[in-house]
């Protein structure tokens, strides 16, 4: 579970090494985000490379830019 102030590793080459979750987007009574939730409302990554494998569900959710940059889709 991802809650506010959680530090996460970045999976693209934007230059950032880690990021911090500031607020959970959605309904006001939501306390946690889960793996697979969109953290930033913009679906395109800031960088031009993705490190590591990504889930196949991203293709079904129309994140085509991320799928095309990833080296492996699981």
Protein backbone atom coordinates (compact mmCIF):
# COMPACT_ATOMS: atom_id res chain seq x y z
CA UNK A 1 0.00 0.00 0.00
CA UNK A 2 1.21 3.46 -0.85
CA UNK A 3 0.30 6.25 1.53
CA UNK A 4 1.34 9.92 1.72
CA UNK A 5 5.07 10.42 2.42
CA UNK A 6 5.95 7.02 0.88
CA UNK A 7 9.16 7.09 -1.17
CA UNK A 8 9.10 5.19 -4.47
CA UNK A 9 11.77 4.29 -7.04
CA UNK A 10 11.45 5.93 -10.48
CA UNK A 11 11.29 3.56 -13.48
CA UNK A 12 12.22 5.96 -16.31
CA UNK A 13 15.27 8.05 -17.16
CA UNK A 14 13.87 11.44 -16.19
CA UNK A 15 16.85 12.05 -13.91
CA UNK A 16 14.99 11.50 -10.65
CA UNK A 17 16.07 8.57 -8.52
CA UNK A 18 13.08 8.42 -6.21
CA UNK A 19 9.84 10.27 -5.67
CA UNK A 20 7.53 10.89 -2.76
CA UNK A 21 3.76 10.43 -2.77
CA UNK A 22 2.26 13.75 -1.65
CA UNK A 23 -1.47 13.06 -1.85
CA UNK A 24 -3.75 10.20 -2.89
CA UNK A 25 -5.84 11.25 -5.90
CA UNK A 26 -9.47 10.17 -5.91
CA UNK A 27 -12.19 10.27 -3.32
CA UNK A 28 -11.49 12.11 -0.09
CA UNK A 29 -11.89 9.06 2.15
CA UNK A 30 -9.19 7.03 0.37
CA UNK A 31 -6.21 6.50 2.64
CA UNK A 32 -3.98 4.30 0.46
CA UNK A 33 -3.01 3.90 -3.16
CA UNK A 34 -2.15 0.46 -4.49
CA UNK A 35 0.26 -0.89 -7.06
CA UNK A 36 -1.07 0.02 -10.50
CA UNK A 37 -2.80 3.25 -9.48
CA UNK A 38 -1.89 6.28 -11.57
CA UNK A 39 0.17 8.66 -9.45
CA UNK A 40 0.38 11.55 -11.92
CA UNK A 41 -2.69 12.45 -13.98
CA UNK A 42 -0.58 12.67 -17.14
CA UNK A 43 -0.10 9.23 -18.68
CA UNK A 44 3.16 9.99 -20.49
CA UNK A 45 6.51 9.51 -18.73
CA UNK A 46 8.89 12.44 -18.40
CA UNK A 47 11.85 10.41 -19.64
CA UNK A 48 12.51 8.46 -22.82
CA UNK A 49 13.45 5.06 -21.39
CA UNK A 50 11.74 2.65 -19.00
CA UNK A 51 13.84 0.29 -16.88
CA UNK A 52 12.46 -3.12 -16.01
CA UNK A 53 9.41 -5.10 -16.99
CA UNK A 54 5.88 -3.72 -16.90
CA UNK A 55 2.49 -5.41 -16.49
CA UNK A 56 0.35 -6.39 -19.47
CA UNK A 57 -2.62 -4.52 -17.99
CA UNK A 58 -1.03 -1.22 -19.04
CA UNK A 59 -1.73 -2.12 -22.66
CA UNK A 60 -5.41 -2.68 -21.84
CA UNK A 61 -5.55 0.69 -20.04
CA UNK A 62 -4.22 2.48 -23.17
CA UNK A 63 -0.80 3.48 -21.82
CA UNK A 64 0.70 2.84 -25.26
CA UNK A 65 3.64 5.22 -24.80
CA UNK A 66 4.81 3.33 -21.71
CA UNK A 67 4.27 -0.06 -23.36
CA UNK A 68 6.28 0.93 -26.43
CA UNK A 69 9.22 2.16 -24.31
CA UNK A 70 9.40 -0.87 -22.00
CA UNK A 71 11.92 -3.61 -22.77
CA UNK A 72 9.57 -6.38 -21.60
CA UNK A 73 5.82 -6.69 -21.04
CA UNK A 74 4.75 -9.39 -18.58
